[in-house]
Amino acid sequence: MSPLPTRRSTAALGLASATVLLTGCFSGGSSGGPTGAADGDRLRLALAFPPVAALSPFSDDSVLISRMGVAETLVVFDESGAAQPNLAESWEFTDDRTVALELREGVTFHDGSPMDAEAVAGALTAAADIDPAPRSVSGIGLTARAVDEDTVELQAAEPDPLLVQRLGSSALVILSPAAYADPAAPDPVGTGTGPFEITEVNGESGATLDAFAEHWAGKPALSGVDVRFVSDAETRTNALRAEEVDVAQNIPIAQLSALDEDQVISVPLPRLTGLFLNTAEGPFVDAALRSAAIEAVDPRPVVEQIYEGQVDLAEGFLSEGVLGGDERPEVTRAPVGDPAGATIRLATWNDRPELPEAAAVVVDQLRSAGFTVELVVQEYATLEPDLLAGAFDAVLASRLYLGDTGDPVGYFESDLTCEGSYNLARLCDPAIDAAVAAAAQLVDPVERRVAAVEIEAQVLGTGAFVPLLHERSRIGVLPGVSGLGSDPFERQLVTIETAVQR
């Protein structure tokens, strides 16, 4: 199989992430950073979640490292979820379980050591050996070895078409060998390859980052980034309004009215909200009643009223960005039946504040169509055992459908096949299982996407799912901020091109 193109533009490849800051009193960046740096050269960033494991990439902190532009992965994802070159410049499958990666030349770590094949193989081996391993490589038997200075050979225990895609997980950022003094908790301070180097970490409150002038894509536009972790959304929003921070991540819909329209960057996410109908037991075993539910549910009031127009209507599982211009096949369902008062239990969780309100709208629509509906709203952790056991007739759920590997086929396998581990619809259709199994063997990401579009039509044809909306992330910014990463996977925020003018 031919290797992918070996070069991308500096602009496209400068998507290293950075996380932003809020100081205790939301002062400017003069409290940290290089001596003599102008305040306008440093970005003040407020991030929504504090580190939980001292910024170890083998934890949920991995996305913080990535957003802050501190460390980088071998590949990144485009909008459709396909892997694109980053620290790895090209790759080639040498057999169905082995990939040869050609590394980008001239990359150095923040500690001055070279990013060579030995360093990369060591970083990947550490990720594969940790227990539990990161989700993207868990259970695949990953091994990595240096072939020569710039070539790394990766191998899985079994054939694995997603071997390259797995490398885009933020848990697999590449750090210098010095980071792995404790192999179970690598330290990203001074050991990344990104455009910004961590110079100070203040526990769970913040971090100071300075520009890394020797970055492989050039010198960053900023002299540094001052990051504070602020979990309270209202506090982040108010800090932006007071011009005490330049960028605030994760502005909730409830806070949007406090900001001007031009202060919000909205980025489509591979996160889908919709109604799963239990096809294994209860009223929705009847395909005609599933069609009746689909006919009854109108997502527009949910989008326009509950989400205030800050999301996108969903035609299916996959967003337009993931479709990549492909046409959706026509979907044919069973004729609409008469609900005749059929009683259904509909569940959702309150961890995401919009879901209960959206569920109330859907319940009213189903009742108007002739269903008798009982609504159950609880915390997700409480609901999960019953969700997976099929205790409800319908579940209003919010679900990422590209995940760590950026692959929609994997989503269909886990959520909509007979043996799927998260099959809320309890769907078991041999034709769909066969289509998913065939698609799972494809290596080419475009072919996998085309197959996923066909699978989507098959699933929608069963009536097991009612699509409502695709969610968006919202980033608050002050005028004068430019060059932020627009990443649907929320792994890249501050880039080499990010700049601020005050």
Protein backbone atom coordinates (compact mmCIF):
# COMPACT_ATOMS: atom_id res chain seq x y z
CA MET A 1 0.00 0.00 0.00
CA SER A 2 1.41 3.39 -0.90
CA PRO A 3 2.54 5.79 1.82
CA LEU A 4 0.56 8.98 2.35
CA PRO A 5 1.89 12.34 1.12
CA THR A 6 4.91 13.44 3.07
CA ARG A 7 4.37 17.19 3.44
CA ARG A 8 1.73 19.48 4.74
CA SER A 9 1.72 23.24 4.96
CA THR A 10 3.12 24.86 8.07
CA ALA A 11 -0.28 26.38 8.71
CA ALA A 12 -2.03 23.02 8.68
CA LEU A 13 0.66 21.34 10.73
CA GLY A 14 0.94 24.11 13.28
CA LEU A 15 -2.01 22.74 15.16
CA ALA A 16 -0.33 22.19 18.48
CA SER A 17 -2.73 22.81 21.32
CA ALA A 18 -2.45 25.03 24.30
CA THR A 19 -4.54 25.54 27.37
CA VAL A 20 -5.40 28.91 28.75
CA LEU A 21 -5.21 30.76 31.98
CA LEU A 22 -6.95 32.53 34.72
CA THR A 23 -4.89 33.84 37.62
CA GLY A 24 -6.34 34.05 41.09
CA CYS A 25 -7.35 37.64 40.46
CA PHE A 26 -7.36 37.27 36.67
CA SER A 27 -4.38 39.55 36.23
CA GLY A 28 -2.32 39.66 33.06
CA GLY A 29 0.62 37.49 32.13
CA SER A 30 3.25 39.63 33.82
CA SER A 31 3.32 37.37 36.88
CA GLY A 32 4.95 34.62 34.87
CA GLY A 33 6.88 34.12 31.69
CA PRO A 34 10.21 35.29 30.34
CA THR A 35 11.84 38.43 31.69
CA GLY A 36 11.08 41.44 29.56
CA ALA A 37 8.22 39.82 27.64
CA ALA A 38 5.51 42.32 26.77
CA ASP A 39 2.11 41.63 28.29
CA GLY A 40 0.60 41.63 24.80
CA ASP A 41 2.87 38.77 23.75
CA ARG A 42 1.42 36.35 26.27
CA LEU A 43 -1.99 34.73 26.02
CA ARG A 44 -4.17 34.50 29.13
CA LEU A 45 -6.17 31.29 28.90
CA ALA A 46 -8.91 29.81 31.11
CA LEU A 47 -9.46 26.08 30.78
CA ALA A 48 -12.51 24.30 32.15
CA PHE A 49 -10.97 21.27 33.85
CA PRO A 50 -8.03 21.04 36.27
CA PRO A 51 -5.45 18.27 35.98
CA VAL A 52 -6.28 15.11 37.90
CA ALA A 53 -2.97 13.26 37.60
CA ALA A 54 -0.19 15.88 37.55
CA LEU A 55 -0.57 16.20 33.74
CA SER A 56 0.36 12.60 33.03
CA PRO A 57 -0.61 11.70 29.45
CA PHE A 58 -1.77 8.29 30.70
CA SER A 59 -4.81 9.97 32.27
CA ASP A 60 -7.60 12.34 31.31
CA ASP A 61 -4.96 15.09 31.56
CA SER A 62 -3.62 14.09 28.15
CA VAL A 63 -6.03 16.43 26.37
CA LEU A 64 -4.81 19.34 28.54
CA ILE A 65 -1.23 18.75 27.41
CA SER A 66 -2.39 18.71 23.82
CA ARG A 67 -4.58 21.80 24.08
CA MET A 68 -1.78 23.77 25.69
CA GLY A 69 0.51 23.10 22.75
CA VAL A 70 3.00 21.34 24.99
CA ALA A 71 3.16 17.92 23.36
CA GLU A 72 2.17 16.45 20.01
CA THR A 73 1.01 13.17 18.54
CA LEU A 74 2.41 11.32 15.55
CA VAL A 75 -0.75 11.96 13.53
CA VAL A 76 -3.68 14.37 13.79
CA PHE A 77 -7.23 14.02 12.48
CA ASP A 78 -8.96 16.04 9.81
CA GLU A 79 -12.64 16.95 10.10
CA SER A 80 -13.71 13.56 8.79
CA GLY A 81 -11.56 11.73 11.34
CA ALA A 82 -8.89 10.56 8.87
CA ALA A 83 -5.28 10.54 10.09
CA GLN A 84 -2.97 13.23 8.72
CA PRO A 85 0.82 13.61 9.15
CA ASN A 86 2.21 15.41 12.19
CA LEU A 87 5.32 14.12 14.00
CA ALA A 88 5.12 11.16 11.65
CA GLU A 89 5.57 12.49 8.12
CA SER A 90 4.40 9.37 6.28
CA TRP A 91 3.59 5.71 6.85
CA GLU A 92 3.10 2.45 5.04
CA PHE A 93 1.42 -0.83 6.00
CA THR A 94 3.95 -3.57 5.33
CA ASP A 95 1.41 -6.26 6.23
CA ASP A 96 -2.02 -6.30 7.87
CA ARG A 97 -0.66 -5.83 11.37
CA THR A 98 2.57 -3.88 10.78
CA VAL A 99 3.18 -0.23 9.92
CA ALA A 100 6.45 1.56 9.14
CA LEU A 101 6.41 5.21 10.24
CA GLU A 102 8.80 7.78 8.78
CA LEU A 103 9.39 10.50 11.35
CA ARG A 104 9.60 14.20 10.65
CA GLU A 105 13.21 15.32 10.52
CA GLY A 106 14.63 18.07 12.69
CA VAL A 107 12.25 17.71 15.63
CA THR A 108 13.73 18.28 19.08
CA PHE A 109 12.24 17.95 22.53
CA HIS A 110 12.10 20.90 24.89
CA ASP A 111 15.09 19.46 26.79
CA GLY A 112 17.18 19.63 23.58
CA SER A 113 17.28 15.91 22.86
CA PRO A 114 16.36 14.72 19.35
CA MET A 115 13.02 13.11 18.55
CA ASP A 116 14.50 10.04 16.89
CA ALA A 117 13.11 6.57 16.36
CA GLU A 118 14.46 5.26 19.66
CA ALA A 119 12.68 8.02 21.58
CA VAL A 120 9.39 7.48 19.75
CA ALA A 121 9.52 3.71 20.14
CA GLY A 122 10.24 4.16 23.84
CA ALA A 123 7.26 6.51 24.31
CA LEU A 124 4.87 4.13 22.53
CA THR A 125 6.21 1.13 24.42
CA ALA A 126 5.62 2.93 27.73
CA ALA A 127 1.99 3.56 26.69
CA ALA A 128 1.50 -0.07 25.64
CA ASP A 129 3.04 -1.44 28.86
CA ILE A 130 1.12 0.67 31.39
CA ASP A 131 -1.81 -1.04 33.14
CA PRO A 132 -4.42 -0.02 32.29
CA ALA A 133 -3.20 1.02 28.85
CA PRO A 134 -4.72 4.05 27.10
CA ARG A 135 -8.03 3.15 25.44
CA SER A 136 -6.65 3.63 21.93
CA VAL A 137 -4.09 0.82 22.32
CA SER A 138 -5.64 -1.30 25.05
CA GLY A 139 -5.64 -5.00 24.25
CA ILE A 140 -4.02 -4.80 20.80
CA GLY A 141 -0.59 -6.11 21.85
CA LEU A 142 1.25 -3.08 20.46
CA THR A 143 5.01 -3.27 20.03
CA ALA A 144 7.30 -0.56 18.68
CA ARG A 145 10.93 -0.69 17.60
CA ALA A 146 13.41 1.63 15.93
CA VAL A 147 14.40 0.41 12.46
CA ASP A 148 16.82 3.27 11.84
CA GLU A 149 17.16 6.84 13.09
CA ASP A 150 13.97 8.07 11.42
CA THR A 151 11.87 4.90 11.02
CA VAL A 152 9.70 3.20 13.62
CA GLU A 153 8.00 -0.13 13.08
CA LEU A 154 4.69 -0.66 14.88
CA GLN A 155 3.06 -4.04 15.14
CA ALA A 156 -0.21 -5.31 16.62
CA ALA A 157 -0.76 -8.86 17.79
CA GLU A 158 -3.60 -9.30 15.28
CA PRO A 159 -4.48 -7.61 11.96
CA ASP A 160 -5.41 -4.02 12.77
CA PRO A 161 -6.56 -1.59 10.05
CA LEU A 162 -6.75 1.20 12.66
CA LEU A 163 -3.13 0.96 13.75
CA VAL A 164 -2.25 4.40 12.38
CA GLN A 165 -5.54 5.98 13.48
CA ARG A 166 -4.79 4.95 17.06
CA LEU A 167 -1.75 7.23 17.09
CA GLY A 168 -3.95 10.34 17.06
CA SER A 169 -5.08 9.78 20.64
CA SER A 170 -3.87 12.53 22.95
CA ALA A 171 -2.74 9.80 25.37
CA LEU A 172 -0.05 8.93 22.84
CA VAL A 173 1.75 12.28 22.77
CA ILE A 174 5.47 11.78 22.30
CA LEU A 175 7.67 12.94 25.18
CA SER A 176 11.44 12.77 25.54
CA PRO A 177 13.03 9.76 27.28
CA ALA A 178 13.61 11.93 30.36
CA ALA A 179 9.84 12.14 30.89
CA TYR A 180 9.60 8.44 31.71
CA ALA A 181 11.64 8.35 34.92
CA ASP A 182 8.36 7.10 36.39
CA PRO A 183 6.99 4.98 33.53
CA ALA A 184 3.52 4.97 35.07
CA ALA A 185 3.30 8.79 35.17
CA PRO A 186 5.35 10.52 32.46
CA ASP A 187 6.18 14.16 33.20
CA PRO A 188 5.52 16.62 30.33
CA VAL A 189 7.38 19.50 32.02
CA GLY A 190 10.27 20.34 29.69
CA THR A 191 9.89 17.14 27.69
CA GLY A 192 7.37 17.83 24.89
CA THR A 193 7.80 18.81 21.24
CA GLY A 194 5.05 21.43 21.01
CA PRO A 195 5.38 25.18 20.36
CA PHE A 196 5.10 25.89 24.10
CA GLU A 197 7.13 24.51 27.01
CA ILE A 198 5.82 24.17 30.54
CA THR A 199 8.10 26.11 32.88
CA GLU A 200 5.94 26.02 36.00
CA VAL A 201 2.94 24.06 37.24
CA ASN A 202 0.89 25.32 40.17
CA GLY A 203 -0.91 22.16 41.19
CA GLU A 204 -4.52 22.22 40.02
CA SER A 205 -4.69 26.01 39.70
CA GLY A 206 -2.53 26.83 36.69
CA ALA A 207 0.63 26.59 34.64
CA THR A 208 3.13 28.91 32.94
CA LEU A 209 4.28 28.16 29.40
CA ASP A 210 7.01 29.82 27.35
CA ALA A 211 7.42 29.73 23.60
CA PHE A 212 9.73 27.04 22.24
CA ALA A 213 11.66 28.91 19.56
CA GLU A 214 13.16 25.72 18.10
CA HIS A 215 9.80 24.20 17.23
CA TRP A 216 9.98 22.23 13.98
CA ALA A 217 7.35 24.43 12.27
CA GLY A 218 8.97 27.72 13.29
CA LYS A 219 8.93 30.23 16.11
CA PRO A 220 5.53 30.67 17.83
CA ALA A 221 3.80 34.02 17.45
CA LEU A 222 3.26 34.27 21.23
CA SER A 223 6.04 34.59 23.78
CA GLY A 224 4.07 32.41 26.14
CA VAL A 225 0.76 31.27 27.59
CA ASP A 226 -0.45 31.71 31.15
CA VAL A 227 -2.94 28.99 32.01
CA ARG A 228 -5.33 28.70 34.90
CA PHE A 229 -7.85 25.93 35.38
CA VAL A 230 -11.30 27.28 36.29
CA SER A 231 -14.08 24.72 36.52
CA ASP A 232 -16.90 27.18 37.18
CA ALA A 233 -18.40 28.27 33.86
CA GLU A 234 -19.82 31.55 35.15
CA THR A 235 -16.43 32.52 36.57
CA ARG A 236 -14.75 31.83 33.23
CA THR A 237 -17.36 33.81 31.34
CA ASN A 238 -17.20 36.77 33.72
CA ALA A 239 -13.42 36.85 33.49
CA LEU A 240 -13.70 37.12 29.71
CA ARG A 241 -16.31 39.87 29.96
CA ALA A 242 -14.02 41.80 32.32
CA GLU A 243 -11.14 41.32 29.84
CA GLU A 244 -9.13 39.53 32.51
CA VAL A 245 -8.52 36.59 30.17
CA ASP A 246 -8.12 36.46 26.40
CA VAL A 247 -9.64 33.03 25.82
CA ALA A 248 -12.09 30.97 27.87
CA GLN A 249 -12.80 27.38 26.93
CA ASN A 250 -16.22 25.68 27.14
CA ILE A 251 -18.71 28.52 27.31
CA PRO A 252 -22.05 26.84 28.15
CA ILE A 253 -25.20 27.81 26.30
CA ALA A 254 -26.64 29.35 29.47
CA GLN A 255 -23.77 31.89 29.52
CA LEU A 256 -23.90 32.93 25.87
CA SER A 257 -26.27 35.83 26.51
CA ALA A 258 -23.52 37.48 28.57
CA LEU A 259 -21.20 37.69 25.55
CA ASP A 260 -21.30 39.44 22.20
CA GLU A 261 -21.76 37.19 19.17
CA ASP A 262 -18.26 37.97 17.88
CA GLN A 263 -16.76 36.82 21.19
CA VAL A 264 -17.69 33.17 20.62
CA ILE A 265 -16.03 30.66 18.30
CA SER A 266 -18.30 27.69 17.65
CA VAL A 267 -16.73 24.42 16.49
CA PRO A 268 -18.73 21.35 15.34
CA LEU A 269 -18.07 18.25 17.43
CA PRO A 270 -18.40 14.54 16.62
CA ARG A 271 -20.96 14.30 19.40
CA LEU A 272 -24.50 13.19 18.60
CA THR A 273 -27.67 13.56 20.64
CA GLY A 274 -30.60 11.35 19.71
CA LEU A 275 -33.21 8.87 20.85
CA PHE A 276 -32.35 5.15 20.94
CA LEU A 277 -35.39 2.86 20.77
CA ASN A 278 -35.26 -0.57 22.43
CA THR A 279 -35.72 -3.06 19.60
CA ALA A 280 -35.40 -6.18 21.79
CA GLU A 281 -38.31 -5.86 24.19
CA GLY A 282 -41.24 -3.59 24.94
CA PRO A 283 -43.41 -1.63 22.50
CA PHE A 284 -40.58 -0.75 20.14
CA VAL A 285 -40.04 -4.36 19.15
CA ASP A 286 -42.76 -3.40 16.65
CA ALA A 287 -41.03 -1.62 13.74
CA ALA A 288 -44.28 0.21 12.95
CA LEU A 289 -44.24 1.83 16.41
CA ARG A 290 -40.61 2.78 15.95
CA SER A 291 -41.64 4.52 12.72
CA ALA A 292 -44.44 6.24 14.64
CA ALA A 293 -41.94 7.58 17.18
CA ILE A 294 -39.64 8.83 14.42
CA GLU A 295 -42.61 10.53 12.74
CA ALA A 296 -43.61 12.16 16.04
CA VAL A 297 -40.25 13.60 17.07
CA ASP A 298 -39.36 16.98 15.56
CA PRO A 299 -35.84 18.04 16.59
CA ARG A 300 -36.26 21.68 15.59
CA PRO A 301 -37.82 22.90 18.87
CA VAL A 302 -35.01 21.17 20.75
CA VAL A 303 -32.35 22.80 18.57
CA GLU A 304 -33.93 26.25 18.52
CA GLN A 305 -35.28 26.51 22.05
CA ILE A 306 -33.32 24.23 24.37
CA TYR A 307 -29.96 24.64 22.61
CA GLU A 308 -30.73 28.20 21.40
CA GLY A 309 -29.64 27.39 17.86
CA GLN A 310 -26.08 26.64 19.03
CA VAL A 311 -26.10 23.08 17.61
CA ASP A 312 -26.71 21.52 14.20
CA LEU A 313 -29.74 19.50 13.13
CA ALA A 314 -28.78 15.85 12.62
CA GLU A 315 -29.97 13.88 9.61
CA GLY A 316 -28.21 10.75 10.80
CA PHE A 317 -25.35 9.58 12.96
CA LEU A 318 -22.64 11.28 10.93
CA SER A 319 -22.18 15.04 10.57
CA GLU A 320 -21.63 16.77 7.25
CA GLY A 321 -17.94 17.14 8.07
CA VAL A 322 -17.52 13.43 8.61
CA LEU A 323 -19.45 12.68 5.41
CA GLY A 324 -16.79 14.59 3.49
CA GLY A 325 -19.21 15.41 0.65
CA ASP A 326 -20.60 11.89 0.34
CA GLU A 327 -24.34 11.63 -0.34
CA ARG A 328 -26.53 9.86 2.18
CA PRO A 329 -28.38 6.86 0.69
CA GLU A 330 -32.16 6.94 0.81
CA VAL A 331 -33.57 5.39 3.98
CA THR A 332 -36.65 3.15 3.88
CA ARG A 333 -38.50 2.30 7.11
CA ALA A 334 -41.54 0.29 8.09
CA PRO A 335 -44.94 1.99 7.64
CA VAL A 336 -46.06 4.16 10.55
CA GLY A 337 -48.24 2.32 13.07
CA ASP A 338 -50.81 3.56 15.57
CA PRO A 339 -49.36 4.01 19.10
CA ALA A 340 -52.85 3.52 20.60
CA GLY A 341 -51.64 4.64 24.02
CA ALA A 342 -48.64 2.28 24.14
CA THR A 343 -46.71 2.92 27.36
CA ILE A 344 -42.98 3.63 27.11
CA ARG A 345 -40.31 4.51 29.69
CA LEU A 346 -37.87 7.11 28.39
CA ALA A 347 -34.63 7.75 30.27
CA THR A 348 -31.93 10.40 30.13
CA TRP A 349 -29.31 11.80 32.49
CA ASN A 350 -28.89 15.20 34.11
CA ASP A 351 -25.08 15.35 34.02
CA ARG A 352 -25.48 17.25 30.74
CA PRO A 353 -27.87 20.09 31.65
CA GLU A 354 -29.68 20.32 28.31
CA LEU A 355 -30.67 16.64 28.12
CA PRO A 356 -33.55 16.68 30.63
CA GLU A 357 -35.03 19.78 28.96
CA ALA A 358 -34.68 18.19 25.52
CA ALA A 359 -36.28 15.02 26.87
CA ALA A 360 -39.27 17.01 28.12
CA VAL A 361 -39.86 18.34 24.60
CA VAL A 362 -39.55 14.87 23.07
CA VAL A 363 -41.92 13.41 25.67
CA ASP A 364 -44.57 16.00 24.83
CA GLN A 365 -44.22 15.19 21.13
CA LEU A 366 -44.58 11.45 21.74
CA ARG A 367 -47.61 11.99 23.94
CA SER A 368 -49.21 14.15 21.26
CA ALA A 369 -48.72 11.28 18.81
CA GLY A 370 -50.60 8.86 21.08
CA PHE A 371 -47.90 7.30 23.27
CA THR A 372 -48.12 7.13 27.06
CA VAL A 373 -44.69 8.20 28.33
CA GLU A 374 -42.94 7.95 31.69
CA LEU A 375 -39.77 10.08 31.91
CA VAL A 376 -36.85 8.93 34.10
CA VAL A 377 -34.04 11.44 34.79
CA GLN A 378 -31.07 10.49 36.97
CA GLU A 379 -27.31 10.92 37.13
CA TYR A 380 -25.53 8.87 34.48
CA ALA A 381 -23.64 6.72 36.96
CA THR A 382 -26.94 5.67 38.52
CA LEU A 383 -28.61 4.97 35.18
CA GLU A 384 -25.79 3.15 33.40
CA PRO A 385 -26.46 -0.43 34.63
CA ASP A 386 -30.12 -0.20 33.59
CA LEU A 387 -29.23 1.50 30.29
CA LEU A 388 -26.92 -1.34 29.32
CA ALA A 389 -29.41 -3.95 30.53
CA GLY A 390 -32.16 -2.58 28.29
CA ALA A 391 -34.44 -1.59 31.15
CA PHE A 392 -35.89 1.37 29.22
CA ASP A 393 -37.94 1.55 26.04
CA ALA A 394 -36.16 4.69 24.86
CA VAL A 395 -32.97 6.52 25.86
CA LEU A 396 -32.13 10.12 24.98
CA ALA A 397 -28.35 10.00 24.85
CA SER A 398 -25.38 12.18 23.97
CA ARG A 399 -22.54 10.15 22.51
CA LEU A 400 -19.18 10.75 20.80
CA TYR A 401 -19.13 8.77 17.57
CA LEU A 402 -15.49 9.11 16.47
CA GLY A 403 -13.71 8.66 19.79
CA ASP A 404 -9.99 8.09 20.29
CA THR A 405 -9.34 6.75 16.81
CA GLY A 406 -11.51 9.10 14.74
CA ASP A 407 -13.24 6.09 13.21
CA PRO A 408 -17.04 5.90 12.72
CA VAL A 409 -16.97 2.17 11.94
CA GLY A 410 -15.77 1.46 15.46
CA TYR A 411 -18.71 3.44 16.80
CA PHE A 412 -21.23 1.33 14.88
CA GLU A 413 -19.49 -1.82 16.09
CA SER A 414 -19.68 -0.88 19.77
CA ASP A 415 -23.12 0.74 19.74
CA LEU A 416 -25.24 -0.99 17.10
CA THR A 417 -24.17 -4.61 16.59
CA CYS A 418 -25.39 -7.77 18.31
CA GLU A 419 -22.32 -8.01 20.54
CA GLY A 420 -21.80 -4.26 20.88
CA SER A 421 -20.66 -3.19 24.33
CA TYR A 422 -22.84 -0.02 24.38
CA ASN A 423 -25.90 -1.05 22.39
CA LEU A 424 -28.62 1.13 23.94
CA ALA A 425 -31.07 0.18 21.16
CA ARG A 426 -30.45 -3.55 21.76
CA LEU A 427 -30.22 -3.80 17.97
CA CYS A 428 -29.25 -7.19 16.55
CA ASP A 429 -29.43 -7.29 12.77
CA PRO A 430 -27.22 -9.87 10.98
CA ALA A 431 -27.02 -7.71 7.84
CA ILE A 432 -25.73 -4.75 9.84
CA ASP A 433 -23.27 -6.96 11.71
CA ALA A 434 -21.94 -8.28 8.40
CA ALA A 435 -21.59 -4.77 6.96
CA VAL A 436 -19.74 -3.55 10.06
CA ALA A 437 -17.43 -6.60 10.03
CA ALA A 438 -16.58 -5.99 6.37
CA ALA A 439 -15.97 -2.27 6.94
CA ALA A 440 -13.75 -3.02 9.93
CA GLN A 441 -11.28 -4.77 7.62
CA LEU A 442 -10.76 -1.71 5.40
CA VAL A 443 -7.51 0.20 5.83
CA ASP A 444 -8.12 3.22 3.62
CA PRO A 445 -9.90 5.93 5.71
CA VAL A 446 -11.96 7.14 2.74
CA GLU A 447 -13.21 3.61 2.07
CA ARG A 448 -14.07 3.23 5.76
CA ARG A 449 -16.04 6.48 5.68
CA VAL A 450 -17.98 5.44 2.58
CA ALA A 451 -18.78 2.12 4.27
CA ALA A 452 -19.89 3.97 7.40
CA VAL A 453 -22.34 6.05 5.37
CA GLU A 454 -23.91 2.85 4.02
CA ILE A 455 -24.09 1.36 7.51
CA GLU A 456 -25.75 4.52 8.80
CA ALA A 457 -28.53 4.11 6.22
CA GLN A 458 -29.01 0.46 7.22
CA VAL A 459 -29.32 1.35 10.90
CA LEU A 460 -31.68 4.26 10.24
CA GLY A 461 -33.79 1.92 8.15
CA THR A 462 -34.43 -0.25 11.21
CA GLY A 463 -35.95 2.71 13.04
CA ALA A 464 -33.75 2.00 16.06
CA PHE A 465 -32.55 5.58 16.33
CA VAL A 466 -34.07 9.06 16.06
CA PRO A 467 -31.32 11.63 15.28
CA LEU A 468 -31.74 15.04 16.88
CA LEU A 469 -28.61 17.15 16.80
CA HIS A 470 -24.84 17.40 16.50
CA GLU A 471 -23.24 19.39 19.30
CA ARG A 472 -20.67 22.19 19.14
CA SER A 473 -17.98 23.45 21.47
CA ARG A 474 -17.88 27.16 22.23
CA ILE A 475 -14.71 29.12 22.93
CA GLY A 476 -14.93 32.66 24.28
CA VAL A 477 -12.34 35.09 22.87
CA LEU A 478 -11.50 38.78 23.14
CA PRO A 479 -10.96 40.92 20.05
CA GLY A 480 -7.34 40.72 18.97
CA VAL A 481 -6.98 36.97 19.45
CA SER A 482 -6.22 35.06 16.25
CA GLY A 483 -4.85 31.72 15.11
CA LEU A 484 -6.63 29.43 17.57
CA GLY A 485 -7.00 25.83 16.43
CA SER A 486 -10.47 24.91 15.22
CA ASP A 487 -10.41 21.25 16.18
CA PRO A 488 -13.58 19.12 16.19
CA PHE A 489 -11.81 16.67 18.50
CA GLU A 490 -11.06 19.45 21.04
CA ARG A 491 -7.44 18.36 21.29
CA GLN A 492 -5.87 21.45 19.74
CA LEU A 493 -6.48 25.00 20.85
CA VAL A 494 -3.37 27.18 21.07
CA THR A 495 -1.18 26.78 18.01
CA ILE A 496 2.08 28.10 16.70
CA GLU A 497 0.06 30.79 14.88
CA THR A 498 -2.00 31.92 17.85
CA ALA A 499 -1.48 35.63 18.52
CA VAL A 500 -3.01 38.36 20.68
CA GLN A 501 -3.12 42.11 20.24
CA ARG A 502 -4.36 44.29 23.07
